[in-house]
Amino acid sequence: MRVALISYEYPPAVAIGGIGTYTWSASHMLVRGGHEVVVFAAGQPGQPERTSTVEVVRLDCPDRYRFAPLV
């Protein structure tokens, strides 16, 4: 199954609090379970980022309040 996770925070680019850590852990658990995972998070957009087998799409967003409309 292909799964998308959406979180303003996702390490290492944006690691402010616990939700980023949770999203990182959940994405890697899902991959270990055989799923294909894409994470949409804030950060500097550019080349596609891949952490092990998790694809990370970074959206250029200065704060969490403007993040939802961008996604």
C-alpha atoms as a PDB file:
ATOM      1  CA  MET A   1       0.000   0.000   0.000  1.00  0.00           C
ATOM      2  CA  ARG A   2       1.200   3.543  -0.685  1.00  0.00           C
ATOM      3  CA  VAL A   3       0.891   5.821   2.364  1.00  0.00           C
ATOM      4  CA  ALA A   4       1.269   9.606   2.613  1.00  0.00           C
ATOM      5  CA  LEU A   5       2.071  11.240   5.936  1.00  0.00           C
ATOM      6  CA  ILE A   6       1.672  14.993   6.312  1.00  0.00           C
ATOM      7  CA  SER A   7       3.507  16.814   9.088  1.00  0.00           C
ATOM      8  CA  TYR A   8       5.035  20.277   9.318  1.00  0.00           C
ATOM      9  CA  GLU A   9       7.957  18.702  11.190  1.00  0.00           C
ATOM     10  CA  TYR A  10      10.155  15.911   9.909  1.00  0.00           C
ATOM     11  CA  PRO A  11      13.816  15.539  10.877  1.00  0.00           C
ATOM     12  CA  PRO A  12      16.429  16.553  10.133  1.00  0.00           C
ATOM     13  CA  ALA A  13      15.290  19.759   8.365  1.00  0.00           C
ATOM     14  CA  VAL A  14      12.505  20.633  10.817  1.00  0.00           C
ATOM     15  CA  ALA A  15      12.787  19.049  14.266  1.00  0.00           C
ATOM     16  CA  ILE A  16      11.018  21.311  16.733  1.00  0.00           C
ATOM     17  CA  GLY A  17       8.975  18.944  18.857  1.00  0.00           C
ATOM     18  CA  GLY A  18       7.585  15.475  19.275  1.00  0.00           C
ATOM     19  CA  ILE A  19       5.368  15.222  16.195  1.00  0.00           C
ATOM     20  CA  GLY A  20       8.403  15.203  13.911  1.00  0.00           C
ATOM     21  CA  THR A  21       9.932  12.339  15.866  1.00  0.00           C
ATOM     22  CA  TYR A  22       6.623  10.468  15.800  1.00  0.00           C
ATOM     23  CA  THR A  23       6.233  10.977  12.039  1.00  0.00           C
ATOM     24  CA  TRP A  24       9.798   9.764  11.451  1.00  0.00           C
ATOM     25  CA  SER A  25       9.173   6.644  13.558  1.00  0.00           C
ATOM     26  CA  ALA A  26       5.782   5.922  11.988  1.00  0.00           C
ATOM     27  CA  SER A  27       7.133   6.304   8.450  1.00  0.00           C
ATOM     28  CA  HIS A  28       9.953   3.833   9.103  1.00  0.00           C
ATOM     29  CA  MET A  29       7.636   1.340  10.832  1.00  0.00           C
ATOM     30  CA  LEU A  30       5.312   1.444   7.833  1.00  0.00           C
ATOM     31  CA  VAL A  31       8.237   0.818   5.474  1.00  0.00           C
ATOM     32  CA  ARG A  32       9.325  -2.175   7.559  1.00  0.00           C
ATOM     33  CA  GLY A  33       5.754  -3.420   7.224  1.00  0.00           C
ATOM     34  CA  GLY A  34       6.129  -3.438   3.441  1.00  0.00           C
ATOM     35  CA  HIS A  35       4.447  -0.140   2.587  1.00  0.00           C
ATOM     36  CA  GLU A  36       5.689   2.634   0.304  1.00  0.00           C
ATOM     37  CA  VAL A  37       5.761   5.901   2.268  1.00  0.00           C
ATOM     38  CA  VAL A  38       5.876   9.538   1.155  1.00  0.00           C
ATOM     39  CA  VAL A  39       6.132  12.296   3.773  1.00  0.00           C
ATOM     40  CA  PHE A  40       5.112  15.887   3.027  1.00  0.00           C
ATOM     41  CA  ALA A  41       6.893  18.265   5.430  1.00  0.00           C
ATOM     42  CA  ALA A  42       8.270  21.787   5.686  1.00  0.00           C
ATOM     43  CA  GLY A  43      11.826  22.562   4.708  1.00  0.00           C
ATOM     44  CA  GLN A  44      13.947  23.666   1.796  1.00  0.00           C
ATOM     45  CA  PRO A  45      12.585  22.214  -1.430  1.00  0.00           C
ATOM     46  CA  GLY A  46      15.068  20.918  -3.909  1.00  0.00           C
ATOM     47  CA  GLN A  47      16.264  17.536  -4.949  1.00  0.00           C
ATOM     48  CA  PRO A  48      14.064  14.661  -3.813  1.00  0.00           C
ATOM     49  CA  GLU A  49      15.050  13.550  -0.343  1.00  0.00           C
ATOM     50  CA  ARG A  50      15.066   9.914   0.604  1.00  0.00           C
ATOM     51  CA  THR A  51      15.752   8.667   4.101  1.00  0.00           C
ATOM     52  CA  SER A  52      16.309   4.926   3.772  1.00  0.00           C
ATOM     53  CA  THR A  53      13.212   4.063   1.793  1.00  0.00           C
ATOM     54  CA  VAL A  54      11.005   6.983   2.847  1.00  0.00           C
ATOM     55  CA  GLU A  55      10.490   9.665   0.209  1.00  0.00           C
ATOM     56  CA  VAL A  56      10.333  13.161   1.730  1.00  0.00           C
ATOM     57  CA  VAL A  57       8.778  16.064  -0.175  1.00  0.00           C
ATOM     58  CA  ARG A  58       9.764  19.395   1.384  1.00  0.00           C
ATOM     59  CA  LEU A  59       7.501  22.435   1.047  1.00  0.00           C
ATOM     60  CA  ASP A  60       8.987  25.913   1.438  1.00  0.00           C
ATOM     61  CA  CYS A  61       6.931  27.240   4.328  1.00  0.00           C
ATOM     62  CA  PRO A  62       8.006  29.777   6.978  1.00  0.00           C
ATOM     63  CA  ASP A  63       5.531  28.649   9.659  1.00  0.00           C
ATOM     64  CA  ARG A  64       3.102  25.882  10.493  1.00  0.00           C
ATOM     65  CA  TYR A  65       0.024  28.079   9.964  1.00  0.00           C
ATOM     66  CA  ARG A  66       0.712  28.409   6.231  1.00  0.00           C
ATOM     67  CA  PHE A  67       1.606  24.737   5.827  1.00  0.00           C
ATOM     68  CA  ALA A  68      -1.896  23.239   5.420  1.00  0.00           C
ATOM     69  CA  PRO A  69      -2.902  25.348   2.411  1.00  0.00           C
ATOM     70  CA  LEU A  70       0.385  24.466   0.684  1.00  0.00           C
ATOM     71  CA  VAL A  71      -0.166  20.743   1.055  1.00  0.00           C
END
